[in-house]
């Protein structure tokens, strides 16, 4: 199984950065193939420019777009890791979505309706945030994130979101709480390295949709 970690973390010493290291180790120990795209370290250019639009119209995409699309194309599970800023994702990741999830790759329009093209792929989203679980739950922010990110981006593109984990109150978390969060990431990676688990979740989701 091939895993792609799309990492939008501006600090290498952050909680999620440590979580990514544990994630990589756990997946590799299970025998999985792991690729990592560190958007900050690779200085990813996030602006979908006029030149990009013209290149797309000519079917001559820039090499950096082609490369990122290929990483997605060969992957089974995408791990998308970022801190929540202003109830959304950092601009560098939004720019990645803008430039890479293009029509003809991530979706097509058929009779004025979008059809996702990345079917068969799964996604796991890992978020850290400073606010508490209660704050986000009571305000409806969790629902907003699931609507705009899970459904509006990944499910729109045909990707099944297996898990969306929120690590709340991260700035004030104790060492014990942070370790608990890190263990959650390791446990999740262990489960997702099992083809049986991903098949089970797919079957559950299909049954729920039929029901």
Foldseek 3Di string as FASTA:
>chain_A
DEEEEEAEDPDCPALVVVLVVLLVVLLVVLVYHYHYDHCVVVVPDLDCDPVQVVCVVVVNHDPVLVVVLVSLVPGAEYEYEAEQDPLHGPSSVVSNLVRRCDAVRQWHADPNAIDADSANHEYEYEYEYQAAPCVCVVVVSVVVSCVCPVVVRQVSNNYHYQYYDYLYNRVPDDPVSSVVVSVVSSVVSNQVSDPVNVVVSVVVVVVVVVD
